[in-house]
C-alpha atoms as a PDB file:
ATOM      1  CA  UNK A   1      -0.044   0.053   0.333  1.00  0.00           C
ATOM      2  CA  UNK A   2       1.526   3.319  -0.896  1.00  0.00           C
ATOM      3  CA  UNK A   3       2.041   6.008   2.099  1.00  0.00           C
ATOM      4  CA  UNK A   4       0.645   9.252   0.730  1.00  0.00           C
ATOM      5  CA  UNK A   5       4.175  10.784   1.321  1.00  0.00           C
ATOM      6  CA  UNK A   6       6.149   7.806  -0.082  1.00  0.00           C
ATOM      7  CA  UNK A   7       4.030   6.535  -2.805  1.00  0.00           C
ATOM      8  CA  UNK A   8       4.824   3.498  -4.839  1.00  0.00           C
ATOM      9  CA  UNK A   9       4.835   3.456  -8.255  1.00  0.00           C
ATOM     10  CA  UNK A  10       4.421  -0.078 -10.930  1.00  0.00           C
ATOM     11  CA  UNK A  11       6.149   1.176 -13.762  1.00  0.00           C
ATOM     12  CA  UNK A  12       4.796  -0.910 -17.037  1.00  0.00           C
ATOM     13  CA  UNK A  13       6.698  -1.623 -20.222  1.00  0.00           C
ATOM     14  CA  UNK A  14       4.730  -1.707 -23.423  1.00  0.00           C
ATOM     15  CA  UNK A  15       5.407  -4.819 -26.173  1.00  0.00           C
ATOM     16  CA  UNK A  16       8.533  -4.697 -28.133  1.00  0.00           C
ATOM     17  CA  UNK A  17      10.356  -2.956 -25.420  1.00  0.00           C
ATOM     18  CA  UNK A  18      11.846  -3.794 -21.817  1.00  0.00           C
ATOM     19  CA  UNK A  19      11.965  -2.138 -18.051  1.00  0.00           C
ATOM     20  CA  UNK A  20      15.104  -0.321 -19.584  1.00  0.00           C
ATOM     21  CA  UNK A  21      12.764   2.142 -20.686  1.00  0.00           C
ATOM     22  CA  UNK A  22      12.338   3.752 -17.676  1.00  0.00           C
ATOM     23  CA  UNK A  23      16.586   3.639 -17.112  1.00  0.00           C
ATOM     24  CA  UNK A  24      16.363   8.021 -17.075  1.00  0.00           C
ATOM     25  CA  UNK A  25      13.097   8.051 -14.881  1.00  0.00           C
ATOM     26  CA  UNK A  26      13.159   5.685 -12.330  1.00  0.00           C
ATOM     27  CA  UNK A  27      16.759   8.093 -10.712  1.00  0.00           C
ATOM     28  CA  UNK A  28      13.877  10.702 -10.823  1.00  0.00           C
ATOM     29  CA  UNK A  29      11.086   9.795  -8.760  1.00  0.00           C
ATOM     30  CA  UNK A  30      13.223   7.622  -6.543  1.00  0.00           C
ATOM     31  CA  UNK A  31      14.560  11.508  -5.484  1.00  0.00           C
ATOM     32  CA  UNK A  32      11.150  12.370  -4.931  1.00  0.00           C
ATOM     33  CA  UNK A  33      11.136   9.636  -2.451  1.00  0.00           C
ATOM     34  CA  UNK A  34       8.901   7.508  -4.326  1.00  0.00           C
ATOM     35  CA  UNK A  35       9.032   3.309  -3.926  1.00  0.00           C
ATOM     36  CA  UNK A  36       9.679   2.569  -7.838  1.00  0.00           C
ATOM     37  CA  UNK A  37       9.461  -0.996  -8.961  1.00  0.00           C
ATOM     38  CA  UNK A  38      10.231  -1.389 -12.837  1.00  0.00           C
ATOM     39  CA  UNK A  39       9.301  -5.084 -13.491  1.00  0.00           C
ATOM     40  CA  UNK A  40      10.073  -7.507 -16.188  1.00  0.00           C
ATOM     41  CA  UNK A  41       6.230  -8.318 -17.889  1.00  0.00           C
ATOM     42  CA  UNK A  42       5.249 -12.057 -18.099  1.00  0.00           C
ATOM     43  CA  UNK A  43       4.582 -11.483 -22.282  1.00  0.00           C
ATOM     44  CA  UNK A  44       1.564 -14.594 -21.890  1.00  0.00           C
ATOM     45  CA  UNK A  45      -0.886 -12.929 -24.393  1.00  0.00           C
ATOM     46  CA  UNK A  46      -3.822 -13.307 -22.343  1.00  0.00           C
ATOM     47  CA  UNK A  47      -5.095 -10.536 -20.352  1.00  0.00           C
ATOM     48  CA  UNK A  48      -6.712 -11.822 -17.388  1.00  0.00           C
ATOM     49  CA  UNK A  49      -2.927 -13.961 -16.666  1.00  0.00           C
ATOM     50  CA  UNK A  50      -1.105 -10.806 -17.532  1.00  0.00           C
ATOM     51  CA  UNK A  51      -4.143  -8.492 -14.666  1.00  0.00           C
ATOM     52  CA  UNK A  52      -3.334 -11.675 -12.622  1.00  0.00           C
ATOM     53  CA  UNK A  53       0.387 -10.944 -12.687  1.00  0.00           C
ATOM     54  CA  UNK A  54       0.071  -6.956 -12.222  1.00  0.00           C
ATOM     55  CA  UNK A  55      -2.609  -7.416  -9.078  1.00  0.00           C
ATOM     56  CA  UNK A  56       0.010  -9.254  -6.923  1.00  0.00           C
ATOM     57  CA  UNK A  57       2.212  -5.816  -7.462  1.00  0.00           C
ATOM     58  CA  UNK A  58      -0.213  -3.010  -7.752  1.00  0.00           C
ATOM     59  CA  UNK A  59      -2.498  -3.264  -4.566  1.00  0.00           C
ATOM     60  CA  UNK A  60      -2.507   0.608  -3.894  1.00  0.00           C
ATOM     61  CA  UNK A  61      -0.381   1.608  -5.899  1.00  0.00           C
ATOM     62  CA  UNK A  62       0.446   3.837  -8.276  1.00  0.00           C
ATOM     63  CA  UNK A  63       0.475   2.152 -11.901  1.00  0.00           C
ATOM     64  CA  UNK A  64       2.746   4.194 -14.212  1.00  0.00           C
ATOM     65  CA  UNK A  65       2.569   2.809 -18.369  1.00  0.00           C
ATOM     66  CA  UNK A  66       3.560   3.346 -21.489  1.00  0.00           C
ATOM     67  CA  UNK A  67       2.159   1.710 -24.680  1.00  0.00           C
ATOM     68  CA  UNK A  68       0.852  -1.750 -24.224  1.00  0.00           C
ATOM     69  CA  UNK A  69       2.187  -0.941 -20.268  1.00  0.00           C
ATOM     70  CA  UNK A  70      -0.575   1.372 -20.813  1.00  0.00           C
ATOM     71  CA  UNK A  71      -3.571  -0.272 -22.124  1.00  0.00           C
ATOM     72  CA  UNK A  72      -2.256  -2.767 -19.130  1.00  0.00           C
ATOM     73  CA  UNK A  73      -2.848  -0.507 -16.324  1.00  0.00           C
ATOM     74  CA  UNK A  74      -6.328   0.780 -18.048  1.00  0.00           C
ATOM     75  CA  UNK A  75      -7.668  -2.345 -18.387  1.00  0.00           C
ATOM     76  CA  UNK A  76      -6.105  -3.037 -14.068  1.00  0.00           C
ATOM     77  CA  UNK A  77      -8.149  -0.035 -13.472  1.00  0.00           C
ATOM     78  CA  UNK A  78     -11.191  -0.865 -15.300  1.00  0.00           C
ATOM     79  CA  UNK A  79     -10.875  -4.274 -14.141  1.00  0.00           C
ATOM     80  CA  UNK A  80     -11.150  -2.857 -10.431  1.00  0.00           C
ATOM     81  CA  UNK A  81      -8.181  -3.638  -9.497  1.00  0.00           C
ATOM     82  CA  UNK A  82      -7.812  -1.395  -5.826  1.00  0.00           C
ATOM     83  CA  UNK A  83      -5.307   1.165  -7.157  1.00  0.00           C
ATOM     84  CA  UNK A  84      -3.524   4.682  -5.667  1.00  0.00           C
ATOM     85  CA  UNK A  85      -4.408   6.104  -9.353  1.00  0.00           C
ATOM     86  CA  UNK A  86      -2.498   5.474 -12.671  1.00  0.00           C
ATOM     87  CA  UNK A  87      -0.349   7.899 -15.277  1.00  0.00           C
ATOM     88  CA  UNK A  88      -1.247   6.180 -19.069  1.00  0.00           C
ATOM     89  CA  UNK A  89       0.461   7.401 -21.629  1.00  0.00           C
ATOM     90  CA  UNK A  90      -1.352   6.370 -25.297  1.00  0.00           C
ATOM     91  CA  UNK A  91      -3.474   3.044 -24.163  1.00  0.00           C
ATOM     92  CA  UNK A  92      -5.190   1.178 -26.502  1.00  0.00           C
ATOM     93  CA  UNK A  93      -9.513   1.769 -25.908  1.00  0.00           C
ATOM     94  CA  UNK A  94     -10.744  -0.912 -27.927  1.00  0.00           C
ATOM     95  CA  UNK A  95     -13.794   0.081 -29.999  1.00  0.00           C
ATOM     96  CA  UNK A  96     -13.997   3.399 -28.861  1.00  0.00           C
ATOM     97  CA  UNK A  97     -11.191   3.818 -31.460  1.00  0.00           C
ATOM     98  CA  UNK A  98     -11.192   1.391 -33.488  1.00  0.00           C
ATOM     99  CA  UNK A  99      -8.165   1.554 -36.064  1.00  0.00           C
ATOM    100  CA  UNK A 100      -5.721   2.966 -33.433  1.00  0.00           C
ATOM    101  CA  UNK A 101      -3.603  -0.395 -33.914  1.00  0.00           C
ATOM    102  CA  UNK A 102      -4.170  -1.209 -37.468  1.00  0.00           C
ATOM    103  CA  UNK A 103      -1.305   0.659 -38.480  1.00  0.00           C
ATOM    104  CA  UNK A 104       0.978  -1.389 -36.622  1.00  0.00           C
ATOM    105  CA  UNK A 105      -0.684  -4.352 -36.848  1.00  0.00           C
ATOM    106  CA  UNK A 106       0.226  -3.773 -40.747  1.00  0.00           C
ATOM    107  CA  UNK A 107       3.573  -3.078 -39.673  1.00  0.00           C
ATOM    108  CA  UNK A 108       4.046  -6.254 -37.881  1.00  0.00           C
ATOM    109  CA  UNK A 109       1.977  -7.895 -40.876  1.00  0.00           C
ATOM    110  CA  UNK A 110       4.915  -6.948 -43.299  1.00  0.00           C
ATOM    111  CA  UNK A 111       8.367  -7.241 -40.830  1.00  0.00           C
ATOM    112  CA  UNK A 112       7.580  -8.926 -38.006  1.00  0.00           C
ATOM    113  CA  UNK A 113       8.787  -7.200 -34.576  1.00  0.00           C
ATOM    114  CA  UNK A 114      11.977  -5.158 -36.311  1.00  0.00           C
ATOM    115  CA  UNK A 115       8.942  -3.167 -38.130  1.00  0.00           C
ATOM    116  CA  UNK A 116       6.270  -2.392 -35.474  1.00  0.00           C
ATOM    117  CA  UNK A 117       8.579  -1.450 -33.766  1.00  0.00           C
ATOM    118  CA  UNK A 118       9.809   0.987 -36.034  1.00  0.00           C
ATOM    119  CA  UNK A 119       6.319   2.154 -36.693  1.00  0.00           C
ATOM    120  CA  UNK A 120       5.621   2.207 -32.938  1.00  0.00           C
ATOM    121  CA  UNK A 121       7.821   3.602 -31.185  1.00  0.00           C
ATOM    122  CA  UNK A 122      10.018   5.751 -33.836  1.00  0.00           C
ATOM    123  CA  UNK A 123      13.631   6.423 -33.964  1.00  0.00           C
ATOM    124  CA  UNK A 124      14.794   5.510 -30.574  1.00  0.00           C
ATOM    125  CA  UNK A 125      13.953   1.988 -30.391  1.00  0.00           C
ATOM    126  CA  UNK A 126      15.753  -0.451 -32.292  1.00  0.00           C
ATOM    127  CA  UNK A 127      15.392  -4.592 -32.430  1.00  0.00           C
ATOM    128  CA  UNK A 128      18.418  -4.039 -29.161  1.00  0.00           C
ATOM    129  CA  UNK A 129      15.156  -2.195 -27.077  1.00  0.00           C
ATOM    130  CA  UNK A 130      13.226  -5.351 -27.513  1.00  0.00           C
ATOM    131  CA  UNK A 131      13.522  -8.554 -24.727  1.00  0.00           C
ATOM    132  CA  UNK A 132      14.755 -11.537 -26.720  1.00  0.00           C
ATOM    133  CA  UNK A 133      12.326 -14.010 -28.364  1.00  0.00           C
ATOM    134  CA  UNK A 134      11.058 -13.947 -31.851  1.00  0.00           C
ATOM    135  CA  UNK A 135       7.969 -13.033 -33.594  1.00  0.00           C
ATOM    136  CA  UNK A 136       5.268 -15.322 -31.778  1.00  0.00           C
ATOM    137  CA  UNK A 137       5.168 -13.369 -28.757  1.00  0.00           C
ATOM    138  CA  UNK A 138       4.778 -10.068 -30.230  1.00  0.00           C
ATOM    139  CA  UNK A 139       1.960 -11.773 -32.013  1.00  0.00           C
ATOM    140  CA  UNK A 140       0.176 -12.303 -28.705  1.00  0.00           C
ATOM    141  CA  UNK A 141       0.652  -9.470 -27.393  1.00  0.00           C
ATOM    142  CA  UNK A 142      -0.519  -7.838 -30.503  1.00  0.00           C
ATOM    143  CA  UNK A 143      -3.445  -9.599 -30.728  1.00  0.00           C
ATOM    144  CA  UNK A 144      -3.891  -9.427 -26.477  1.00  0.00           C
ATOM    145  CA  UNK A 145      -3.875  -5.573 -26.965  1.00  0.00           C
ATOM    146  CA  UNK A 146      -6.110  -5.467 -30.004  1.00  0.00           C
ATOM    147  CA  UNK A 147      -8.419  -7.101 -28.003  1.00  0.00           C
ATOM    148  CA  UNK A 148      -8.802  -5.692 -25.285  1.00  0.00           C
ATOM    149  CA  UNK A 149     -12.205  -3.561 -24.322  1.00  0.00           C
ATOM    150  CA  UNK A 150     -12.271  -0.724 -21.919  1.00  0.00           C
ATOM    151  CA  UNK A 151     -15.113   0.049 -19.497  1.00  0.00           C
ATOM    152  CA  UNK A 152     -16.315   3.019 -16.958  1.00  0.00           C
ATOM    153  CA  UNK A 153     -13.620   3.632 -14.812  1.00  0.00           C
ATOM    154  CA  UNK A 154     -14.889   2.446 -11.323  1.00  0.00           C
ATOM    155  CA  UNK A 155     -13.946   4.253  -7.816  1.00  0.00           C
ATOM    156  CA  UNK A 156     -11.578   1.433  -7.226  1.00  0.00           C
ATOM    157  CA  UNK A 157      -9.385   2.820  -9.838  1.00  0.00           C
ATOM    158  CA  UNK A 158      -8.124   5.510  -8.114  1.00  0.00           C
ATOM    159  CA  UNK A 159      -7.227   9.092  -9.973  1.00  0.00           C
ATOM    160  CA  UNK A 160      -6.736   8.105 -13.603  1.00  0.00           C
ATOM    161  CA  UNK A 161      -4.153  10.136 -15.813  1.00  0.00           C
ATOM    162  CA  UNK A 162      -4.139   9.176 -19.822  1.00  0.00           C
ATOM    163  CA  UNK A 163      -1.713  11.101 -21.436  1.00  0.00           C
ATOM    164  CA  UNK A 164      -0.924  11.355 -25.364  1.00  0.00           C
ATOM    165  CA  UNK A 165       2.151  13.218 -27.256  1.00  0.00           C
ATOM    166  CA  UNK A 166       1.809  16.414 -29.044  1.00  0.00           C
ATOM    167  CA  UNK A 167       3.982  15.205 -31.953  1.00  0.00           C
ATOM    168  CA  UNK A 168       1.997  11.123 -31.632  1.00  0.00           C
ATOM    169  CA  UNK A 169      -0.327  11.104 -34.880  1.00  0.00           C
ATOM    170  CA  UNK A 170      -4.436  12.453 -33.768  1.00  0.00           C
ATOM    171  CA  UNK A 171      -5.370   9.294 -33.378  1.00  0.00           C
ATOM    172  CA  UNK A 172      -3.781   9.306 -30.298  1.00  0.00           C
ATOM    173  CA  UNK A 173      -5.076  11.942 -28.772  1.00  0.00           C
ATOM    174  CA  UNK A 174      -8.276  10.618 -29.933  1.00  0.00           C
ATOM    175  CA  UNK A 175      -8.217   7.684 -28.255  1.00  0.00           C
ATOM    176  CA  UNK A 176      -6.907   9.831 -24.815  1.00  0.00           C
ATOM    177  CA  UNK A 177     -10.114  11.483 -25.288  1.00  0.00           C
ATOM    178  CA  UNK A 178     -12.246   8.220 -26.077  1.00  0.00           C
ATOM    179  CA  UNK A 179     -10.475   7.267 -22.117  1.00  0.00           C
ATOM    180  CA  UNK A 180     -11.640  10.905 -20.962  1.00  0.00           C
ATOM    181  CA  UNK A 181     -15.528   9.443 -21.400  1.00  0.00           C
ATOM    182  CA  UNK A 182     -14.562   6.598 -19.207  1.00  0.00           C
ATOM    183  CA  UNK A 183     -13.805   9.286 -16.303  1.00  0.00           C
ATOM    184  CA  UNK A 184     -10.229   9.825 -16.417  1.00  0.00           C
ATOM    185  CA  UNK A 185      -8.310  12.727 -17.057  1.00  0.00           C
ATOM    186  CA  UNK A 186      -6.693  13.687 -20.628  1.00  0.00           C
ATOM    187  CA  UNK A 187      -3.319  16.063 -21.134  1.00  0.00           C
ATOM    188  CA  UNK A 188      -1.206  16.438 -23.833  1.00  0.00           C
ATOM    189  CA  UNK A 189       2.865  16.675 -23.081  1.00  0.00           C
ATOM    190  CA  UNK A 190       4.108  18.531 -25.484  1.00  0.00           C
ATOM    191  CA  UNK A 191       8.006  17.717 -27.459  1.00  0.00           C
ATOM    192  CA  UNK A 192       7.177  13.688 -27.463  1.00  0.00           C
ATOM    193  CA  UNK A 193       5.545  11.420 -28.781  1.00  0.00           C
ATOM    194  CA  UNK A 194       4.397   7.340 -28.085  1.00  0.00           C
ATOM    195  CA  UNK A 195       7.722   6.565 -26.293  1.00  0.00           C
ATOM    196  CA  UNK A 196       7.754   9.678 -23.572  1.00  0.00           C
ATOM    197  CA  UNK A 197       9.612   8.151 -20.966  1.00  0.00           C
ATOM    198  CA  UNK A 198      12.881   8.071 -23.400  1.00  0.00           C
ATOM    199  CA  UNK A 199      12.276  10.991 -25.458  1.00  0.00           C
ATOM    200  CA  UNK A 200      11.469  13.212 -21.907  1.00  0.00           C
ATOM    201  CA  UNK A 201      12.549  11.303 -19.429  1.00  0.00           C
ATOM    202  CA  UNK A 202      12.277  14.483 -17.052  1.00  0.00           C
ATOM    203  CA  UNK A 203       9.607  15.891 -18.030  1.00  0.00           C
ATOM    204  CA  UNK A 204       7.675  12.205 -17.806  1.00  0.00           C
ATOM    205  CA  UNK A 205       8.574  11.771 -14.195  1.00  0.00           C
ATOM    206  CA  UNK A 206       7.338  15.527 -13.707  1.00  0.00           C
ATOM    207  CA  UNK A 207       3.825  14.392 -15.123  1.00  0.00           C
ATOM    208  CA  UNK A 208       3.524  11.705 -12.742  1.00  0.00           C
ATOM    209  CA  UNK A 209       5.018  13.611  -9.790  1.00  0.00           C
ATOM    210  CA  UNK A 210       2.319  16.136 -10.285  1.00  0.00           C
ATOM    211  CA  UNK A 211      -0.247  13.608 -10.827  1.00  0.00           C
ATOM    212  CA  UNK A 212       0.585  11.962  -7.820  1.00  0.00           C
ATOM    213  CA  UNK A 213       1.414  15.234  -5.558  1.00  0.00           C
ATOM    214  CA  UNK A 214      -1.711  16.800  -6.129  1.00  0.00           C
ATOM    215  CA  UNK A 215      -3.575  13.820  -4.554  1.00  0.00           C
ATOM    216  CA  UNK A 216      -1.538  12.828  -1.888  1.00  0.00           C
ATOM    217  CA  UNK A 217      -3.462  13.309   1.531  1.00  0.00           C
ATOM    218  CA  UNK A 218      -0.072  14.943   2.635  1.00  0.00           C
ATOM    219  CA  UNK A 219       0.979  17.512   0.918  1.00  0.00           C
ATOM    220  CA  UNK A 220       2.952  17.266  -2.656  1.00  0.00           C
ATOM    221  CA  UNK A 221       6.305  15.549  -2.562  1.00  0.00           C
ATOM    222  CA  UNK A 222       9.516  16.784  -3.724  1.00  0.00           C
ATOM    223  CA  UNK A 223      10.100  17.012  -7.557  1.00  0.00           C
END
């Protein structure tokens, strides 16, 4: 369980990446007094199993996710896991914006994980950014995230912020707006795209700290 002055943050990475996407963010969060974990996802391709894994880590904590990690965080919030809250950068929102992941799926069909990563994350991503494994892992992850269907956020989700990058495609803003209709707050992150914690670690950490601090009962934590 998070303490308001020393919140617990669970950082969740997406498809074709590892926890290394958080390498520049973690020290900034810890320096502000947060307890931070950035685990390796199991990548089962089964949403129920992924949520069970996340539930063990996130009870009473803040979930911070990017891409597929944000989708998993949104799924956890929708499922009623008892979170303190969440900061979710560019999650998928199922049939609310059905074409969101179509370009990513087309890229994977064209050139496997290498092409998917390039299209999804941009020039800051490379095959070395992702986990070891074959395209079968990416295929089952892509199917899982495309199959996610959101629901209105319950009170157990805590305070949920969904962000989108100012440099991202307009469909990402549309997806964030759809999440807003479910009960999330929505914010644009200027100067970044889909891989926000890599593109601007300090800015991303600042958004997370500000959002957590705004709901802390004992006042803001350092930033």
